[in-house]
Each structure stands twice: as structure tokens, then as C-alpha cells.
């Protein structure tokens, strides 16, 4: 679990917890399902990176990806995300 927002002036810290399940994968990449328990889906990127499993092509949290993914990869990831979110 990691802080979502910290307001030091008020002493408030909000936490977000994520559950992650591997659907399929190999030693290089995995398809995962991630569920957050609060309305903070943008934290999925941070949580996966913190766990050592950053998203492919993520410019903010994936420092090991020296170049952006191809358009085909971005399109495939977008289709999968859309399908998962809109069931």
C-alpha cells in the first residue's frame, strides 16, 4: 500500500490498495488484472512499478523502457484496457 495524497498541513494521508493477479505471462511480460479498492485507477501504474512490474511504454513510471512502444503495442494495450473496463 502506498500514499495516494498527503496533506502535511492537515496531517491527512490517503491510502490506496491494489490487488494484482497474473492472467498469463513469461519471464519478460505478463498480462495482469489489477483491482483498486478506491476510486484511484491511476495508482495502478505506480503500484505495478513499485512492485518491479512497470507497464510497457509508461513514460512516468517505467525507466527501463528506453523508447516508446510501437503503435501496434499501444493499440493492443488500449483495446485490452477498454475491454476490461467496459464489461
N, C-alpha and C. Protein backbone atom coordinates (compact mmCIF):
# COMPACT_ATOMS: atom_id res chain seq x y z
N UNK A 1 0.85 -1.16 0.00
CA UNK A 1 0.00 0.00 0.00
C UNK A 1 0.90 1.23 0.00
N UNK A 2 0.51 2.25 -0.75
CA UNK A 2 1.31 3.46 -0.81
C UNK A 2 0.42 4.69 -0.72
N UNK A 3 0.97 5.82 -0.24
CA UNK A 3 0.14 7.01 -0.12
C UNK A 3 -0.36 7.48 -1.47
N UNK A 4 -1.62 7.87 -1.50
CA UNK A 4 -2.19 8.46 -2.70
C UNK A 4 -2.01 9.97 -2.64
N UNK A 5 -2.42 10.56 -1.54
CA UNK A 5 -2.31 12.01 -1.37
C UNK A 5 -1.91 12.27 0.07
N UNK A 6 -0.97 13.14 0.26
CA UNK A 6 -0.59 13.55 1.60
C UNK A 6 -0.77 15.05 1.72
N UNK A 7 -1.51 15.47 2.72
CA UNK A 7 -1.68 16.89 3.01
C UNK A 7 -1.03 17.12 4.36
N UNK A 8 0.25 17.52 4.35
CA UNK A 8 1.00 17.67 5.60
C UNK A 8 0.42 18.75 6.49
N UNK A 9 -0.18 19.78 5.90
CA UNK A 9 -0.76 20.86 6.70
C UNK A 9 -1.90 20.33 7.57
N UNK A 10 -2.71 19.44 7.03
CA UNK A 10 -3.84 18.88 7.78
C UNK A 10 -3.48 17.58 8.47
N UNK A 11 -2.35 16.99 8.09
CA UNK A 11 -1.98 15.69 8.65
C UNK A 11 -2.75 14.53 8.05
N UNK A 12 -3.35 14.74 6.88
CA UNK A 12 -4.14 13.70 6.22
C UNK A 12 -3.29 12.93 5.21
N UNK A 13 -3.38 11.63 5.25
CA UNK A 13 -2.78 10.78 4.23
C UNK A 13 -3.84 9.79 3.79
N UNK A 14 -4.01 9.64 2.49
CA UNK A 14 -4.98 8.71 1.94
C UNK A 14 -4.22 7.55 1.30
N UNK A 15 -4.67 6.34 1.54
CA UNK A 15 -4.00 5.17 1.01
C UNK A 15 -4.90 4.44 0.02
N UNK A 16 -4.24 3.83 -0.96
CA UNK A 16 -4.95 3.03 -1.96
C UNK A 16 -4.30 1.65 -1.99
N UNK A 17 -5.11 0.63 -1.98
CA UNK A 17 -4.63 -0.74 -2.04
C UNK A 17 -5.03 -1.35 -3.37
N UNK A 18 -4.13 -2.11 -3.97
CA UNK A 18 -4.41 -2.78 -5.24
C UNK A 18 -4.21 -4.28 -5.09
N UNK A 19 -5.04 -5.04 -5.77
CA UNK A 19 -4.85 -6.49 -5.86
C UNK A 19 -4.48 -6.81 -7.30
N UNK A 20 -3.48 -7.67 -7.46
CA UNK A 20 -2.99 -7.99 -8.80
C UNK A 20 -2.99 -9.51 -8.99
N UNK A 21 -3.46 -9.94 -10.15
CA UNK A 21 -3.49 -11.36 -10.49
C UNK A 21 -2.91 -11.53 -11.88
N UNK A 22 -1.96 -12.45 -12.02
CA UNK A 22 -1.37 -12.74 -13.32
C UNK A 22 -2.32 -13.64 -14.10
N UNK A 23 -2.67 -13.21 -15.30
CA UNK A 23 -3.55 -13.99 -16.17
C UNK A 23 -2.71 -14.96 -16.99
N UNK A 24 -1.66 -14.45 -17.62
CA UNK A 24 -0.70 -15.29 -18.33
C UNK A 24 0.58 -14.47 -18.48
N UNK A 25 1.68 -15.16 -18.72
CA UNK A 25 2.93 -14.43 -18.89
C UNK A 25 4.11 -15.36 -19.05
N UNK A 26 5.25 -14.74 -19.22
CA UNK A 26 6.51 -15.47 -19.31
C UNK A 26 7.56 -14.67 -18.54
N UNK A 27 8.83 -14.95 -18.76
CA UNK A 27 9.86 -14.25 -17.98
C UNK A 27 10.02 -12.79 -18.38
N UNK A 28 9.42 -12.36 -19.47
CA UNK A 28 9.60 -10.99 -19.95
C UNK A 28 8.37 -10.10 -19.74
N UNK A 29 7.19 -10.61 -20.03
CA UNK A 29 5.97 -9.81 -19.92
C UNK A 29 4.84 -10.66 -19.33
N UNK A 30 3.86 -9.98 -18.77
CA UNK A 30 2.69 -10.66 -18.22
C UNK A 30 1.44 -9.86 -18.52
N UNK A 31 0.35 -10.57 -18.67
CA UNK A 31 -0.96 -9.95 -18.74
C UNK A 31 -1.54 -10.08 -17.34
N UNK A 32 -1.91 -8.95 -16.75
CA UNK A 32 -2.38 -8.97 -15.37
C UNK A 32 -3.74 -8.30 -15.25
N UNK A 33 -4.45 -8.66 -14.20
CA UNK A 33 -5.69 -7.99 -13.83
C UNK A 33 -5.43 -7.28 -12.51
N UNK A 34 -5.73 -5.99 -12.45
CA UNK A 34 -5.49 -5.21 -11.24
C UNK A 34 -6.80 -4.56 -10.82
N UNK A 35 -7.09 -4.66 -9.53
CA UNK A 35 -8.29 -4.06 -8.96
C UNK A 35 -7.87 -3.13 -7.84
N UNK A 36 -8.38 -1.90 -7.87
CA UNK A 36 -8.16 -0.98 -6.75
C UNK A 36 -9.43 -0.95 -5.91
N UNK A 37 -9.27 -0.68 -4.64
CA UNK A 37 -10.41 -0.69 -3.73
C UNK A 37 -10.95 0.70 -3.45
N UNK A 38 -10.39 1.68 -4.09
CA UNK A 38 -10.90 3.05 -4.02
C UNK A 38 -10.87 3.60 -5.43
N UNK A 39 -11.50 4.73 -5.63
CA UNK A 39 -11.56 5.34 -6.96
C UNK A 39 -10.24 6.03 -7.29
N UNK A 40 -9.21 5.23 -7.58
CA UNK A 40 -7.91 5.79 -7.92
C UNK A 40 -7.21 4.89 -8.93
N UNK A 41 -7.82 4.64 -10.10
CA UNK A 41 -7.21 3.73 -11.06
C UNK A 41 -5.86 4.19 -11.58
N UNK A 42 -5.57 5.49 -11.51
CA UNK A 42 -4.27 5.97 -11.97
C UNK A 42 -3.14 5.45 -11.07
N UNK A 43 -3.46 4.98 -9.88
CA UNK A 43 -2.43 4.46 -8.98
C UNK A 43 -1.95 3.08 -9.40
N UNK A 44 -2.68 2.41 -10.30
CA UNK A 44 -2.25 1.09 -10.77
C UNK A 44 -0.85 1.18 -11.36
N UNK A 45 -0.59 2.21 -12.14
CA UNK A 45 0.73 2.39 -12.76
C UNK A 45 1.82 2.47 -11.69
N UNK A 46 1.57 3.26 -10.66
CA UNK A 46 2.56 3.45 -9.60
C UNK A 46 2.75 2.16 -8.80
N UNK A 47 1.67 1.46 -8.50
CA UNK A 47 1.78 0.23 -7.72
C UNK A 47 2.54 -0.85 -8.48
N UNK A 48 2.24 -1.01 -9.77
CA UNK A 48 2.96 -2.02 -10.55
C UNK A 48 4.44 -1.68 -10.67
N UNK A 49 4.76 -0.42 -10.86
CA UNK A 49 6.17 -0.01 -10.95
C UNK A 49 6.87 -0.25 -9.62
N UNK A 50 6.21 0.05 -8.51
CA UNK A 50 6.79 -0.17 -7.19
C UNK A 50 7.06 -1.65 -6.94
N UNK A 51 6.22 -2.51 -7.51
CA UNK A 51 6.39 -3.96 -7.37
C UNK A 51 7.44 -4.51 -8.34
N UNK A 52 8.02 -3.65 -9.18
CA UNK A 52 9.02 -4.09 -10.14
C UNK A 52 8.44 -4.58 -11.45
N UNK A 53 7.18 -4.26 -11.72
CA UNK A 53 6.49 -4.70 -12.93
C UNK A 53 5.85 -3.51 -13.63
N UNK A 54 6.64 -2.58 -14.15
CA UNK A 54 6.05 -1.38 -14.77
C UNK A 54 5.32 -1.71 -16.06
N UNK A 55 4.38 -0.85 -16.42
CA UNK A 55 3.64 -1.03 -17.66
C UNK A 55 4.53 -0.74 -18.86
N UNK A 56 4.36 -1.49 -19.92
CA UNK A 56 5.12 -1.29 -21.14
C UNK A 56 4.86 0.11 -21.68
N UNK A 57 5.92 0.85 -21.93
CA UNK A 57 5.79 2.17 -22.54
C UNK A 57 5.32 3.27 -21.62
N UNK A 58 5.20 3.01 -20.33
CA UNK A 58 4.75 4.05 -19.40
C UNK A 58 5.88 5.07 -19.23
N UNK A 59 5.69 6.30 -19.70
CA UNK A 59 6.77 7.28 -19.65
C UNK A 59 7.06 7.80 -18.25
N UNK A 60 6.13 7.66 -17.33
CA UNK A 60 6.33 8.22 -15.99
C UNK A 60 6.98 7.22 -15.03
N UNK A 61 6.54 5.97 -15.04
CA UNK A 61 6.99 5.01 -14.04
C UNK A 61 7.89 3.90 -14.59
N UNK A 62 8.11 3.82 -15.90
CA UNK A 62 8.94 2.76 -16.47
C UNK A 62 10.24 3.35 -16.98
N UNK A 63 11.26 3.34 -16.13
CA UNK A 63 12.56 3.88 -16.51
C UNK A 63 13.38 2.89 -17.33
N UNK A 64 12.97 1.63 -17.39
CA UNK A 64 13.75 0.62 -18.11
C UNK A 64 13.39 0.55 -19.59
N UNK A 65 12.36 1.27 -20.01
CA UNK A 65 11.95 1.26 -21.41
C UNK A 65 12.53 2.48 -22.10
N UNK A 66 13.64 2.33 -22.84
CA UNK A 66 14.31 3.49 -23.42
C UNK A 66 13.56 4.17 -24.56
N UNK A 67 12.64 3.47 -25.20
CA UNK A 67 11.91 4.07 -26.31
C UNK A 67 10.44 3.72 -26.16
N UNK A 68 9.58 4.54 -26.69
CA UNK A 68 8.15 4.26 -26.58
C UNK A 68 7.78 3.00 -27.36
N UNK A 69 6.73 2.31 -26.93
CA UNK A 69 6.32 1.10 -27.66
C UNK A 69 5.78 1.46 -29.03
N UNK A 70 5.76 0.47 -29.88
CA UNK A 70 5.23 0.70 -31.23
C UNK A 70 3.74 1.01 -31.16
N UNK A 71 3.22 1.56 -32.24
CA UNK A 71 1.79 1.88 -32.31
C UNK A 71 0.96 0.61 -32.14
N UNK A 72 1.43 -0.52 -32.67
CA UNK A 72 0.69 -1.78 -32.54
C UNK A 72 0.53 -2.18 -31.08
N UNK A 73 1.62 -2.04 -30.30
CA UNK A 73 1.55 -2.38 -28.88
C UNK A 73 0.60 -1.44 -28.16
N UNK A 74 0.70 -0.15 -28.43
CA UNK A 74 -0.20 0.82 -27.78
C UNK A 74 -1.65 0.52 -28.12
N UNK A 75 -1.93 0.20 -29.38
CA UNK A 75 -3.30 -0.13 -29.77
C UNK A 75 -3.81 -1.39 -29.07
N UNK A 76 -2.96 -2.41 -28.99
CA UNK A 76 -3.35 -3.66 -28.32
C UNK A 76 -3.62 -3.41 -26.85
N UNK A 77 -2.75 -2.65 -26.19
CA UNK A 77 -2.95 -2.35 -24.78
C UNK A 77 -4.23 -1.56 -24.57
N UNK A 78 -4.50 -0.61 -25.43
CA UNK A 78 -5.70 0.20 -25.31
C UNK A 78 -6.96 -0.65 -25.49
N UNK A 79 -6.95 -1.57 -26.47
CA UNK A 79 -8.11 -2.44 -26.69
C UNK A 79 -8.36 -3.31 -25.46
N UNK A 80 -7.29 -3.88 -24.90
CA UNK A 80 -7.44 -4.75 -23.74
C UNK A 80 -7.96 -3.96 -22.54
N UNK A 81 -7.44 -2.78 -22.32
CA UNK A 81 -7.90 -1.95 -21.21
C UNK A 81 -9.36 -1.58 -21.38
N UNK A 82 -9.72 -1.20 -22.59
CA UNK A 82 -11.11 -0.81 -22.86
C UNK A 82 -12.05 -1.98 -22.65
N UNK A 83 -11.65 -3.15 -23.11
CA UNK A 83 -12.50 -4.33 -22.96
C UNK A 83 -12.67 -4.67 -21.48
N UNK A 84 -11.60 -4.58 -20.69
CA UNK A 84 -11.67 -4.90 -19.27
C UNK A 84 -12.53 -3.91 -18.51
N UNK A 85 -12.43 -2.64 -18.86
CA UNK A 85 -13.15 -1.60 -18.12
C UNK A 85 -14.62 -1.52 -18.49
N UNK A 86 -14.98 -2.01 -19.64
CA UNK A 86 -16.35 -1.79 -20.13
C UNK A 86 -17.18 -3.06 -20.17
N UNK A 87 -16.86 -4.05 -19.38
CA UNK A 87 -17.63 -5.31 -19.36
C UNK A 87 -18.99 -5.07 -18.75
